[in-house]
Amino acid sequence: MFIAVLRMSASDEQLDVATSTLGLCVDARWKEGEPRHLGGRPNSSSGLNATLADAASAEDMVRGVSAFAQRCKDRKVSFASHATSAVIDVGLGVETLAPASVVFSDEQLALLASIHINLQISAYPVSVESDA
């Protein structure tokens, strides 16, 4: 499992602009002040999650992240605004006997830096079912 998710917090207007400008398929969106869960604390800001890549290989996931970053650069979208925070959360499914890794080149990292977005790496345990 190799998945990359854009997690963004901003004003509703900025979220609308980013969604339409970048053609994002939003998985989840929330508004400032609305409860997080039934009876939960209110959200401190508006935000969204959008899957950028869900790939079988690390290389395909990295290509998806790079394509997104290039689209941002081509459309002059930067996440540098003080009202906006954005991170690309790269998730790796890790089995106990099969380590997973992901490699971003210096050019790919420079591209992410040029649009002022953070990169986060998360490892998730994957259960392995036996054939017995």
N, C-alpha and C. Protein backbone atom coordinates (compact mmCIF):
# COMPACT_ATOMS: atom_id res chain seq x y z
N MET A 1 0.84 -1.17 0.00
CA MET A 1 0.00 0.00 0.00
C MET A 1 0.89 1.24 0.00
N PHE A 2 0.70 2.08 -0.96
CA PHE A 2 1.43 3.36 -1.06
C PHE A 2 0.39 4.42 -1.41
N ILE A 3 0.13 5.29 -0.45
CA ILE A 3 -0.93 6.28 -0.64
C ILE A 3 -0.40 7.66 -0.27
N ALA A 4 -0.82 8.67 -1.01
CA ALA A 4 -0.45 10.05 -0.71
C ALA A 4 -1.72 10.88 -0.60
N VAL A 5 -1.86 11.58 0.51
CA VAL A 5 -3.06 12.37 0.78
C VAL A 5 -2.66 13.81 1.05
N LEU A 6 -3.31 14.74 0.38
CA LEU A 6 -3.15 16.16 0.67
C LEU A 6 -4.05 16.49 1.84
N ARG A 7 -3.45 17.06 2.90
CA ARG A 7 -4.22 17.52 4.07
C ARG A 7 -4.01 19.03 4.14
N MET A 8 -5.10 19.77 4.00
CA MET A 8 -5.00 21.22 3.87
C MET A 8 -5.97 21.90 4.82
N SER A 9 -5.49 22.94 5.51
CA SER A 9 -6.33 23.80 6.35
C SER A 9 -6.24 25.21 5.80
N ALA A 10 -7.40 25.84 5.64
CA ALA A 10 -7.46 27.20 5.10
C ALA A 10 -8.87 27.73 5.27
N SER A 11 -9.08 28.96 4.80
CA SER A 11 -10.44 29.50 4.79
C SER A 11 -11.26 28.71 3.76
N ASP A 12 -12.57 28.76 3.92
CA ASP A 12 -13.44 28.06 2.96
C ASP A 12 -13.21 28.57 1.54
N GLU A 13 -13.00 29.86 1.40
CA GLU A 13 -12.76 30.44 0.08
C GLU A 13 -11.46 29.89 -0.53
N GLN A 14 -10.40 29.83 0.27
CA GLN A 14 -9.13 29.29 -0.23
C GLN A 14 -9.25 27.81 -0.59
N LEU A 15 -10.00 27.06 0.20
CA LEU A 15 -10.22 25.64 -0.11
C LEU A 15 -10.97 25.48 -1.42
N ASP A 16 -12.00 26.33 -1.64
CA ASP A 16 -12.75 26.28 -2.89
C ASP A 16 -11.85 26.57 -4.08
N VAL A 17 -11.00 27.58 -3.96
CA VAL A 17 -10.09 27.96 -5.05
C VAL A 17 -9.11 26.82 -5.34
N ALA A 18 -8.52 26.25 -4.30
CA ALA A 18 -7.57 25.16 -4.48
C ALA A 18 -8.24 23.95 -5.12
N THR A 19 -9.44 23.63 -4.66
CA THR A 19 -10.15 22.48 -5.20
C THR A 19 -10.45 22.65 -6.68
N SER A 20 -10.94 23.81 -7.06
CA SER A 20 -11.28 24.02 -8.47
C SER A 20 -10.04 24.22 -9.34
N THR A 21 -9.06 24.96 -8.85
CA THR A 21 -7.85 25.23 -9.64
C THR A 21 -7.05 23.96 -9.90
N LEU A 22 -6.99 23.09 -8.89
CA LEU A 22 -6.17 21.89 -9.00
C LEU A 22 -6.96 20.65 -9.40
N GLY A 23 -8.28 20.77 -9.50
CA GLY A 23 -9.10 19.62 -9.87
C GLY A 23 -9.03 18.50 -8.85
N LEU A 24 -9.07 18.87 -7.58
CA LEU A 24 -8.95 17.87 -6.52
C LEU A 24 -10.23 17.06 -6.36
N CYS A 25 -10.08 15.77 -6.10
CA CYS A 25 -11.19 14.91 -5.71
C CYS A 25 -11.12 14.81 -4.19
N VAL A 26 -11.99 15.53 -3.51
CA VAL A 26 -11.94 15.65 -2.06
C VAL A 26 -12.56 14.43 -1.40
N ASP A 27 -11.80 13.82 -0.47
CA ASP A 27 -12.29 12.67 0.29
C ASP A 27 -13.09 13.10 1.51
N ALA A 28 -12.66 14.18 2.14
CA ALA A 28 -13.33 14.69 3.34
C ALA A 28 -13.11 16.19 3.41
N ARG A 29 -14.13 16.89 3.91
CA ARG A 29 -14.02 18.34 4.09
C ARG A 29 -14.80 18.72 5.34
N TRP A 30 -14.26 19.68 6.08
CA TRP A 30 -14.89 20.12 7.30
C TRP A 30 -14.81 21.64 7.39
N LYS A 31 -15.70 22.21 8.20
CA LYS A 31 -15.78 23.66 8.35
C LYS A 31 -15.40 24.06 9.77
N GLU A 32 -14.79 25.23 9.85
CA GLU A 32 -14.44 25.79 11.15
C GLU A 32 -15.69 25.93 12.00
N GLY A 33 -15.59 25.53 13.26
CA GLY A 33 -16.70 25.66 14.19
C GLY A 33 -17.63 24.47 14.24
N GLU A 34 -17.64 23.64 13.20
CA GLU A 34 -18.49 22.44 13.22
C GLU A 34 -17.86 21.40 14.15
N PRO A 35 -18.69 20.60 14.81
CA PRO A 35 -18.12 19.55 15.67
C PRO A 35 -17.34 18.53 14.85
N ARG A 36 -16.20 18.08 15.40
CA ARG A 36 -15.38 17.07 14.71
C ARG A 36 -16.14 15.76 14.58
N HIS A 37 -16.74 15.33 15.66
CA HIS A 37 -17.54 14.10 15.69
C HIS A 37 -18.81 14.42 16.45
N LEU A 38 -19.73 13.53 16.44
CA LEU A 38 -20.97 13.73 17.18
C LEU A 38 -20.63 14.07 18.63
N GLY A 39 -20.95 15.28 19.03
CA GLY A 39 -20.68 15.72 20.39
C GLY A 39 -19.24 16.09 20.66
N GLY A 40 -18.41 16.11 19.63
CA GLY A 40 -16.98 16.42 19.80
C GLY A 40 -16.70 17.91 19.80
N ARG A 41 -15.43 18.22 20.05
CA ARG A 41 -15.01 19.62 20.03
C ARG A 41 -15.15 20.18 18.61
N PRO A 42 -15.39 21.49 18.51
CA PRO A 42 -15.50 22.09 17.18
C PRO A 42 -14.14 22.16 16.48
N ASN A 43 -14.16 22.09 15.15
CA ASN A 43 -12.95 22.24 14.36
C ASN A 43 -12.39 23.65 14.54
N SER A 44 -11.08 23.76 14.72
CA SER A 44 -10.46 25.06 14.89
C SER A 44 -10.26 25.78 13.56
N SER A 45 -10.36 25.04 12.44
CA SER A 45 -10.24 25.65 11.11
C SER A 45 -10.96 24.76 10.10
N SER A 46 -11.18 25.31 8.93
CA SER A 46 -11.75 24.52 7.83
C SER A 46 -10.62 23.77 7.15
N GLY A 47 -10.95 22.65 6.54
CA GLY A 47 -9.91 21.88 5.87
C GLY A 47 -10.46 20.79 4.99
N LEU A 48 -9.53 20.08 4.37
CA LEU A 48 -9.91 18.98 3.50
C LEU A 48 -8.80 17.94 3.42
N ASN A 49 -9.19 16.75 3.01
CA ASN A 49 -8.27 15.68 2.65
C ASN A 49 -8.60 15.27 1.22
N ALA A 50 -7.57 15.09 0.39
CA ALA A 50 -7.77 14.66 -0.99
C ALA A 50 -6.67 13.66 -1.34
N THR A 51 -7.06 12.48 -1.81
CA THR A 51 -6.08 11.47 -2.20
C THR A 51 -5.43 11.90 -3.50
N LEU A 52 -4.10 11.93 -3.49
CA LEU A 52 -3.32 12.30 -4.68
C LEU A 52 -2.84 11.06 -5.42
N ALA A 53 -2.58 9.99 -4.69
CA ALA A 53 -2.11 8.75 -5.31
C ALA A 53 -2.45 7.58 -4.38
N ASP A 54 -2.88 6.48 -4.97
CA ASP A 54 -3.13 5.23 -4.26
C ASP A 54 -2.55 4.16 -5.17
N ALA A 55 -1.31 3.78 -4.91
CA ALA A 55 -0.56 2.99 -5.88
C ALA A 55 -0.07 1.66 -5.30
N ALA A 56 0.25 0.76 -6.19
CA ALA A 56 0.78 -0.54 -5.80
C ALA A 56 2.28 -0.48 -5.53
N SER A 57 2.95 0.54 -6.06
CA SER A 57 4.40 0.65 -5.87
C SER A 57 4.77 2.04 -5.36
N ALA A 58 5.90 2.10 -4.68
CA ALA A 58 6.39 3.38 -4.19
C ALA A 58 6.69 4.32 -5.35
N GLU A 59 7.25 3.78 -6.42
CA GLU A 59 7.61 4.61 -7.57
C GLU A 59 6.38 5.26 -8.19
N ASP A 60 5.28 4.51 -8.31
CA ASP A 60 4.05 5.07 -8.88
C ASP A 60 3.47 6.15 -7.97
N MET A 61 3.55 5.93 -6.65
CA MET A 61 3.05 6.92 -5.71
C MET A 61 3.87 8.20 -5.79
N VAL A 62 5.19 8.08 -5.85
CA VAL A 62 6.07 9.24 -5.96
C VAL A 62 5.77 9.99 -7.26
N ARG A 63 5.54 9.27 -8.35
CA ARG A 63 5.17 9.92 -9.62
C ARG A 63 3.86 10.70 -9.47
N GLY A 64 2.90 10.15 -8.75
CA GLY A 64 1.63 10.85 -8.52
C GLY A 64 1.82 12.12 -7.72
N VAL A 65 2.65 12.08 -6.68
CA VAL A 65 2.94 13.26 -5.87
C VAL A 65 3.66 14.31 -6.71
N SER A 66 4.62 13.86 -7.51
CA SER A 66 5.38 14.80 -8.36
C SER A 66 4.47 15.44 -9.41
N ALA A 67 3.56 14.67 -9.97
CA ALA A 67 2.62 15.22 -10.96
C ALA A 67 1.73 16.28 -10.31
N PHE A 68 1.29 16.04 -9.09
CA PHE A 68 0.49 17.03 -8.37
C PHE A 68 1.30 18.30 -8.13
N ALA A 69 2.53 18.15 -7.65
CA ALA A 69 3.38 19.31 -7.38
C ALA A 69 3.64 20.11 -8.65
N GLN A 70 3.86 19.42 -9.76
CA GLN A 70 4.10 20.11 -11.02
C GLN A 70 2.84 20.86 -11.47
N ARG A 71 1.66 20.23 -11.28
CA ARG A 71 0.40 20.90 -11.62
C ARG A 71 0.23 22.16 -10.78
N CYS A 72 0.58 22.10 -9.50
CA CYS A 72 0.53 23.29 -8.64
C CYS A 72 1.43 24.38 -9.19
N LYS A 73 2.65 24.02 -9.53
CA LYS A 73 3.62 25.00 -10.03
C LYS A 73 3.15 25.59 -11.36
N ASP A 74 2.66 24.73 -12.27
CA ASP A 74 2.17 25.20 -13.57
C ASP A 74 1.00 26.16 -13.43
N ARG A 75 0.15 25.93 -12.42
CA ARG A 75 -1.03 26.76 -12.22
C ARG A 75 -0.79 27.86 -11.19
N LYS A 76 0.49 28.02 -10.84
CA LYS A 76 0.92 29.08 -9.92
C LYS A 76 0.21 29.02 -8.56
N VAL A 77 0.05 27.80 -8.05
CA VAL A 77 -0.53 27.59 -6.72
C VAL A 77 0.61 27.36 -5.75
N SER A 78 0.62 28.17 -4.69
CA SER A 78 1.61 28.02 -3.62
C SER A 78 0.85 27.95 -2.30
N PHE A 79 1.36 27.15 -1.40
CA PHE A 79 0.72 26.99 -0.10
C PHE A 79 1.41 27.85 0.96
N ALA A 80 2.02 28.95 0.52
CA ALA A 80 2.81 29.80 1.41
C ALA A 80 1.97 30.77 2.24
N SER A 81 0.72 30.94 1.91
CA SER A 81 -0.13 31.88 2.62
C SER A 81 -0.15 31.57 4.12
N HIS A 82 -0.13 32.61 4.94
CA HIS A 82 -0.18 32.41 6.39
C HIS A 82 -1.48 31.74 6.82
N ALA A 83 -2.53 31.91 6.05
CA ALA A 83 -3.82 31.35 6.41
C ALA A 83 -3.95 29.89 5.97
N THR A 84 -2.96 29.39 5.27
CA THR A 84 -3.04 28.06 4.71
C THR A 84 -1.93 27.18 5.26
N SER A 85 -2.28 25.98 5.65
CA SER A 85 -1.25 24.98 5.95
C SER A 85 -1.58 23.75 5.12
N ALA A 86 -0.56 23.16 4.57
CA ALA A 86 -0.78 21.99 3.72
C ALA A 86 0.37 21.01 3.89
N VAL A 87 0.01 19.74 3.86
CA VAL A 87 0.99 18.68 3.96
C VAL A 87 0.57 17.56 3.02
N ILE A 88 1.54 16.93 2.40
CA ILE A 88 1.28 15.69 1.68
C ILE A 88 1.72 14.58 2.60
N ASP A 89 0.77 13.76 3.02
CA ASP A 89 1.02 12.65 3.92
C ASP A 89 1.20 11.40 3.07
N VAL A 90 2.43 10.88 3.04
CA VAL A 90 2.74 9.68 2.28
C VAL A 90 2.63 8.50 3.24
N GLY A 91 1.72 7.59 2.94
CA GLY A 91 1.49 6.43 3.79
C GLY A 91 2.07 5.17 3.16
N LEU A 92 2.79 4.42 4.00
CA LEU A 92 3.39 3.16 3.57
C LEU A 92 2.81 2.03 4.39
N GLY A 93 2.30 1.00 3.71
CA GLY A 93 1.87 -0.21 4.41
C GLY A 93 3.10 -1.05 4.67
N VAL A 94 3.33 -1.38 5.94
CA VAL A 94 4.55 -2.09 6.32
C VAL A 94 4.20 -3.44 6.93
N GLU A 95 4.72 -4.50 6.33
CA GLU A 95 4.60 -5.83 6.90
C GLU A 95 5.83 -6.08 7.75
N THR A 96 5.71 -6.90 8.77
CA THR A 96 6.83 -7.11 9.67
C THR A 96 8.05 -7.70 8.99
N LEU A 97 7.86 -8.53 7.96
CA LEU A 97 9.00 -9.17 7.31
C LEU A 97 9.41 -8.49 6.01
N ALA A 98 8.64 -7.54 5.56
CA ALA A 98 8.94 -6.90 4.27
C ALA A 98 8.97 -5.39 4.45
N PRO A 99 10.15 -4.81 4.69
CA PRO A 99 10.20 -3.36 4.87
C PRO A 99 9.81 -2.61 3.60
N ALA A 100 9.24 -1.46 3.78
CA ALA A 100 8.85 -0.61 2.65
C ALA A 100 9.65 0.68 2.71
N SER A 101 9.95 1.22 1.56
CA SER A 101 10.64 2.50 1.52
C SER A 101 10.12 3.30 0.34
N VAL A 102 10.38 4.59 0.42
CA VAL A 102 9.98 5.50 -0.65
C VAL A 102 11.13 6.49 -0.83
N VAL A 103 11.42 6.80 -2.10
CA VAL A 103 12.55 7.70 -2.38
C VAL A 103 12.05 8.88 -3.23
N PHE A 104 12.30 10.08 -2.73
CA PHE A 104 12.06 11.30 -3.49
C PHE A 104 13.43 11.85 -3.88
N SER A 105 13.60 12.17 -5.15
CA SER A 105 14.86 12.73 -5.62
C SER A 105 15.00 14.16 -5.11
N ASP A 106 16.22 14.70 -5.22
CA ASP A 106 16.41 16.08 -4.80
C ASP A 106 15.59 17.03 -5.67
N GLU A 107 15.40 16.70 -6.94
CA GLU A 107 14.56 17.54 -7.81
C GLU A 107 13.10 17.51 -7.37
N GLN A 108 12.62 16.32 -6.99
CA GLN A 108 11.23 16.21 -6.53
C GLN A 108 11.03 16.96 -5.21
N LEU A 109 11.99 16.86 -4.31
CA LEU A 109 11.89 17.58 -3.05
C LEU A 109 11.96 19.09 -3.27
N ALA A 110 12.80 19.53 -4.21
CA ALA A 110 12.89 20.95 -4.53
C ALA A 110 11.57 21.46 -5.11
N LEU A 111 10.92 20.63 -5.93
CA LEU A 111 9.62 21.01 -6.49
C LEU A 111 8.59 21.19 -5.37
N LEU A 112 8.56 20.27 -4.41
CA LEU A 112 7.65 20.40 -3.27
C LEU A 112 7.96 21.66 -2.47
N ALA A 113 9.24 21.93 -2.26
CA ALA A 113 9.63 23.13 -1.52
C ALA A 113 9.22 24.39 -2.27
N SER A 114 9.27 24.36 -3.60
CA SER A 114 8.94 25.55 -4.38
C SER A 114 7.48 25.95 -4.27
N ILE A 115 6.59 24.98 -3.93
CA ILE A 115 5.17 25.31 -3.75
C ILE A 115 4.82 25.42 -2.26
N HIS A 116 5.84 25.35 -1.40
CA HIS A 116 5.69 25.56 0.04
C HIS A 116 4.73 24.57 0.68
N ILE A 117 4.96 23.30 0.39
CA ILE A 117 4.14 22.25 1.00
C ILE A 117 5.04 21.32 1.79
N ASN A 118 4.56 20.86 2.92
CA ASN A 118 5.33 19.94 3.76
C ASN A 118 5.10 18.51 3.32
N LEU A 119 6.07 17.66 3.60
CA LEU A 119 6.00 16.23 3.29
C LEU A 119 6.07 15.47 4.60
N GLN A 120 5.12 14.57 4.79
CA GLN A 120 5.07 13.76 6.00
C GLN A 120 5.06 12.30 5.57
N ILE A 121 5.83 11.47 6.24
CA ILE A 121 5.86 10.04 5.94
C ILE A 121 5.24 9.30 7.12
N SER A 122 4.26 8.45 6.83
CA SER A 122 3.58 7.67 7.87
C SER A 122 3.68 6.20 7.51
N ALA A 123 3.95 5.36 8.50
CA ALA A 123 3.98 3.91 8.29
C ALA A 123 2.77 3.29 8.97
N TYR A 124 2.10 2.41 8.25
CA TYR A 124 0.91 1.75 8.78
C TYR A 124 1.14 0.24 8.76
N PRO A 125 0.84 -0.44 9.86
CA PRO A 125 1.00 -1.90 9.87
C PRO A 125 -0.04 -2.53 8.95
N VAL A 126 0.41 -3.55 8.24
CA VAL A 126 -0.48 -4.30 7.34
C VAL A 126 -0.55 -5.73 7.86
N SER A 127 -1.75 -6.22 8.07
CA SER A 127 -1.86 -7.60 8.54
C SER A 127 -1.63 -8.55 7.38
N VAL A 128 -0.92 -9.62 7.66
CA VAL A 128 -0.62 -10.63 6.64
C VAL A 128 -1.39 -11.88 7.01
N GLU A 129 -2.30 -12.28 6.12
CA GLU A 129 -3.08 -13.48 6.37
C GLU A 129 -2.34 -14.69 5.83
N SER A 130 -2.33 -15.75 6.59
CA SER A 130 -1.66 -16.98 6.14
C SER A 130 -2.57 -17.73 5.18
N ASP A 131 -1.97 -18.59 4.36
CA ASP A 131 -2.72 -19.37 3.39
C ASP A 131 -3.25 -20.65 4.01
N ALA A 132 -3.05 -20.87 5.30
CA ALA A 132 -3.44 -22.13 5.96
C ALA A 132 -4.91 -22.25 6.09
